[in-house]
């Protein structure tokens, strides 16, 4: 395990200026959940770079509905590209 004791698995996806982190974590009661983090490098007025992060927590009771929603919009995008 990593230094973050409740982290079980991590997948990093680099996509242009953004990096996405898909992390599986466990609660103290051993329930699994996912954190999705988007990290983007931004530059301040002083020219120093910084990372802007946005995080979503996805709990096990929502996995299937989240997957269905994501699958639906990805399918719709594919359909729209073929029009």
N, C-alpha and C. Protein backbone atom coordinates (compact mmCIF):
# COMPACT_ATOMS: atom_id res chain seq x y z
N UNK A 1 0.83 -1.19 0.00
CA UNK A 1 0.00 0.00 0.00
C UNK A 1 0.88 1.25 0.00
N UNK A 2 0.32 2.33 -0.49
CA UNK A 2 1.03 3.61 -0.50
C UNK A 2 1.02 4.23 0.88
N UNK A 3 1.62 5.41 0.99
CA UNK A 3 1.62 6.11 2.26
C UNK A 3 0.20 6.48 2.68
N UNK A 4 -0.69 6.64 1.71
CA UNK A 4 -2.10 6.87 2.01
C UNK A 4 -2.70 5.49 2.33
N UNK A 5 -2.87 5.20 3.61
CA UNK A 5 -3.20 3.84 4.04
C UNK A 5 -4.47 3.27 3.44
N UNK A 6 -5.44 4.12 3.10
CA UNK A 6 -6.69 3.58 2.59
C UNK A 6 -6.69 3.44 1.07
N UNK A 7 -5.58 3.75 0.39
CA UNK A 7 -5.52 3.63 -1.06
C UNK A 7 -5.17 2.20 -1.46
N UNK A 8 -6.01 1.62 -2.32
CA UNK A 8 -5.88 0.23 -2.74
C UNK A 8 -5.21 0.14 -4.12
N UNK A 9 -5.62 1.04 -5.03
CA UNK A 9 -5.16 0.97 -6.42
C UNK A 9 -5.27 2.36 -7.03
N UNK A 10 -4.35 2.68 -7.93
CA UNK A 10 -4.39 3.97 -8.60
C UNK A 10 -4.05 3.80 -10.07
N UNK A 11 -4.81 4.47 -10.92
CA UNK A 11 -4.56 4.48 -12.37
C UNK A 11 -4.42 5.93 -12.80
N UNK A 12 -3.30 6.24 -13.44
CA UNK A 12 -3.03 7.61 -13.91
C UNK A 12 -3.24 7.64 -15.41
N UNK A 13 -4.01 8.64 -15.88
CA UNK A 13 -4.25 8.83 -17.30
C UNK A 13 -3.81 10.24 -17.67
N UNK A 14 -2.76 10.34 -18.48
CA UNK A 14 -2.29 11.64 -18.94
C UNK A 14 -2.97 11.96 -20.26
N UNK A 15 -3.56 13.14 -20.32
CA UNK A 15 -4.33 13.53 -21.51
C UNK A 15 -4.06 15.01 -21.80
N UNK A 16 -3.05 15.28 -22.61
CA UNK A 16 -2.73 16.66 -22.94
C UNK A 16 -2.27 17.42 -21.71
N UNK A 17 -2.92 18.55 -21.45
CA UNK A 17 -2.54 19.40 -20.30
C UNK A 17 -3.12 18.90 -18.99
N UNK A 18 -3.95 17.88 -19.07
CA UNK A 18 -4.60 17.37 -17.86
C UNK A 18 -4.10 15.97 -17.53
N UNK A 19 -4.16 15.66 -16.24
CA UNK A 19 -3.88 14.32 -15.77
C UNK A 19 -5.06 13.89 -14.92
N UNK A 20 -5.53 12.68 -15.15
CA UNK A 20 -6.65 12.14 -14.38
C UNK A 20 -6.14 11.00 -13.51
N UNK A 21 -6.62 10.97 -12.28
CA UNK A 21 -6.27 9.92 -11.33
C UNK A 21 -7.55 9.19 -10.95
N UNK A 22 -7.56 7.88 -11.16
CA UNK A 22 -8.67 7.02 -10.76
C UNK A 22 -8.14 6.20 -9.58
N UNK A 23 -8.60 6.48 -8.39
CA UNK A 23 -8.09 5.82 -7.19
C UNK A 23 -9.18 5.01 -6.51
N UNK A 24 -8.86 3.78 -6.19
CA UNK A 24 -9.75 2.94 -5.38
C UNK A 24 -9.26 3.04 -3.95
N UNK A 25 -10.17 3.36 -3.06
CA UNK A 25 -9.82 3.50 -1.65
C UNK A 25 -10.80 2.70 -0.81
N UNK A 26 -10.46 2.52 0.45
CA UNK A 26 -11.33 1.78 1.37
C UNK A 26 -11.59 2.63 2.62
N UNK A 27 -12.83 2.54 3.10
CA UNK A 27 -13.16 3.20 4.35
C UNK A 27 -12.62 2.35 5.50
N UNK A 28 -12.75 2.85 6.71
CA UNK A 28 -12.31 2.07 7.87
C UNK A 28 -13.08 0.77 7.98
N UNK A 29 -14.32 0.76 7.47
CA UNK A 29 -15.14 -0.45 7.48
C UNK A 29 -14.91 -1.34 6.26
N UNK A 30 -13.88 -1.05 5.48
CA UNK A 30 -13.49 -1.80 4.28
C UNK A 30 -14.49 -1.71 3.13
N UNK A 31 -15.31 -0.66 3.09
CA UNK A 31 -16.15 -0.41 1.92
C UNK A 31 -15.29 0.31 0.90
N UNK A 32 -15.37 -0.12 -0.35
CA UNK A 32 -14.56 0.49 -1.41
C UNK A 32 -15.29 1.68 -2.02
N UNK A 33 -14.52 2.69 -2.40
CA UNK A 33 -15.05 3.83 -3.13
C UNK A 33 -13.98 4.31 -4.09
N UNK A 34 -14.37 5.17 -5.02
CA UNK A 34 -13.45 5.67 -6.04
C UNK A 34 -13.35 7.17 -5.91
N UNK A 35 -12.13 7.69 -6.07
CA UNK A 35 -11.97 9.13 -6.23
C UNK A 35 -11.45 9.37 -7.64
N UNK A 36 -12.07 10.33 -8.32
CA UNK A 36 -11.64 10.76 -9.65
C UNK A 36 -11.08 12.16 -9.48
N UNK A 37 -9.82 12.34 -9.85
CA UNK A 37 -9.19 13.64 -9.68
C UNK A 37 -8.66 14.12 -11.02
N UNK A 38 -9.00 15.36 -11.35
CA UNK A 38 -8.44 16.01 -12.53
C UNK A 38 -7.40 17.00 -12.03
N UNK A 39 -6.20 16.93 -12.58
CA UNK A 39 -5.13 17.84 -12.21
C UNK A 39 -4.68 18.56 -13.48
N UNK A 40 -4.60 19.88 -13.39
CA UNK A 40 -4.23 20.68 -14.55
C UNK A 40 -3.20 21.72 -14.12
N UNK A 41 -2.12 21.82 -14.89
CA UNK A 41 -1.09 22.81 -14.57
C UNK A 41 -1.57 24.18 -15.02
N UNK A 42 -1.50 25.15 -14.11
CA UNK A 42 -1.86 26.54 -14.42
C UNK A 42 -0.71 27.43 -13.99
N UNK A 43 -0.61 28.57 -14.62
CA UNK A 43 0.45 29.52 -14.31
C UNK A 43 -0.15 30.76 -13.69
N UNK A 44 0.41 31.16 -12.56
CA UNK A 44 -0.05 32.36 -11.88
C UNK A 44 0.48 33.61 -12.54
N UNK A 45 0.01 34.76 -12.08
CA UNK A 45 0.47 36.04 -12.62
C UNK A 45 1.97 36.23 -12.42
N UNK A 46 2.51 35.59 -11.40
CA UNK A 46 3.94 35.69 -11.12
C UNK A 46 4.76 34.73 -11.97
N UNK A 47 4.09 33.96 -12.85
CA UNK A 47 4.78 33.03 -13.73
C UNK A 47 5.10 31.69 -13.11
N UNK A 48 4.76 31.53 -11.85
CA UNK A 48 5.02 30.26 -11.16
C UNK A 48 3.89 29.30 -11.47
N UNK A 49 4.27 28.06 -11.82
CA UNK A 49 3.24 27.08 -12.14
C UNK A 49 2.68 26.44 -10.87
N UNK A 50 1.44 26.05 -10.98
CA UNK A 50 0.72 25.47 -9.87
C UNK A 50 -0.22 24.42 -10.45
N UNK A 51 -0.77 23.57 -9.62
CA UNK A 51 -1.70 22.56 -10.11
C UNK A 51 -3.08 22.83 -9.54
N UNK A 52 -4.05 22.88 -10.43
CA UNK A 52 -5.44 23.06 -10.05
C UNK A 52 -6.06 21.66 -10.04
N UNK A 53 -6.70 21.29 -8.94
CA UNK A 53 -7.26 19.94 -8.84
C UNK A 53 -8.74 19.99 -8.53
N UNK A 54 -9.47 19.06 -9.14
CA UNK A 54 -10.89 18.87 -8.87
C UNK A 54 -11.09 17.39 -8.56
N UNK A 55 -11.85 17.11 -7.51
CA UNK A 55 -12.00 15.72 -7.08
C UNK A 55 -13.47 15.38 -6.92
N UNK A 56 -13.82 14.16 -7.36
CA UNK A 56 -15.16 13.60 -7.20
C UNK A 56 -15.03 12.30 -6.42
N UNK A 57 -15.90 12.12 -5.45
CA UNK A 57 -15.95 10.87 -4.69
C UNK A 57 -17.14 10.07 -5.21
N UNK A 58 -16.89 8.82 -5.55
CA UNK A 58 -17.94 7.95 -6.07
C UNK A 58 -18.05 6.73 -5.16
N UNK A 59 -19.22 6.57 -4.54
CA UNK A 59 -19.42 5.50 -3.57
C UNK A 59 -20.07 4.28 -4.21
N UNK A 60 -19.85 3.12 -3.60
CA UNK A 60 -20.22 1.84 -4.21
C UNK A 60 -21.68 1.77 -4.61
N UNK A 61 -22.57 2.40 -3.85
CA UNK A 61 -23.99 2.34 -4.20
C UNK A 61 -24.29 3.11 -5.49
N UNK A 62 -23.34 3.92 -5.96
CA UNK A 62 -23.55 4.71 -7.17
C UNK A 62 -22.74 4.20 -8.37
N UNK A 63 -21.90 3.17 -8.19
CA UNK A 63 -21.04 2.68 -9.27
C UNK A 63 -21.83 2.37 -10.54
N UNK A 64 -22.88 1.57 -10.42
CA UNK A 64 -23.61 1.11 -11.60
C UNK A 64 -24.29 2.27 -12.31
N UNK A 65 -24.94 3.16 -11.57
CA UNK A 65 -25.61 4.30 -12.21
C UNK A 65 -24.60 5.23 -12.87
N UNK A 66 -23.45 5.43 -12.25
CA UNK A 66 -22.39 6.26 -12.84
C UNK A 66 -21.91 5.63 -14.14
N UNK A 67 -21.67 4.32 -14.12
CA UNK A 67 -21.20 3.60 -15.31
C UNK A 67 -22.24 3.68 -16.42
N UNK A 68 -23.52 3.49 -16.07
CA UNK A 68 -24.58 3.58 -17.07
C UNK A 68 -24.62 4.98 -17.70
N UNK A 69 -24.50 6.00 -16.89
CA UNK A 69 -24.52 7.37 -17.40
C UNK A 69 -23.33 7.66 -18.30
N UNK A 70 -22.14 7.22 -17.88
CA UNK A 70 -20.94 7.43 -18.69
C UNK A 70 -21.03 6.66 -20.00
N UNK A 71 -21.45 5.40 -19.93
CA UNK A 71 -21.62 4.59 -21.15
C UNK A 71 -22.60 5.26 -22.11
N UNK A 72 -23.70 5.79 -21.57
CA UNK A 72 -24.73 6.43 -22.38
C UNK A 72 -24.18 7.65 -23.13
N UNK A 73 -23.47 8.53 -22.42
CA UNK A 73 -22.98 9.73 -23.09
C UNK A 73 -21.86 9.40 -24.08
N UNK A 74 -21.03 8.41 -23.78
CA UNK A 74 -19.99 8.02 -24.73
C UNK A 74 -20.60 7.43 -26.00
N UNK A 75 -21.66 6.62 -25.85
CA UNK A 75 -22.36 6.07 -26.99
C UNK A 75 -23.00 7.18 -27.82
N UNK A 76 -23.60 8.16 -27.14
CA UNK A 76 -24.23 9.28 -27.84
C UNK A 76 -23.19 10.07 -28.64
N UNK A 77 -22.02 10.28 -28.08
CA UNK A 77 -20.95 10.98 -28.79
C UNK A 77 -20.57 10.21 -30.05
N UNK A 78 -20.44 8.89 -29.94
CA UNK A 78 -20.10 8.06 -31.10
C UNK A 78 -21.19 8.19 -32.17
N UNK A 79 -22.46 8.17 -31.75
CA UNK A 79 -23.56 8.32 -32.70
C UNK A 79 -23.51 9.67 -33.39
N UNK A 80 -23.24 10.72 -32.64
CA UNK A 80 -23.22 12.08 -33.18
C UNK A 80 -22.04 12.27 -34.14
N UNK A 81 -20.93 11.59 -33.91
CA UNK A 81 -19.79 11.70 -34.81
C UNK A 81 -20.10 11.07 -36.17
N UNK A 82 -21.04 10.13 -36.21
CA UNK A 82 -21.37 9.43 -37.44
C UNK A 82 -22.50 10.08 -38.21
N UNK A 83 -22.96 11.22 -37.75
CA UNK A 83 -24.08 11.91 -38.43
C UNK A 83 -23.55 12.72 -39.60
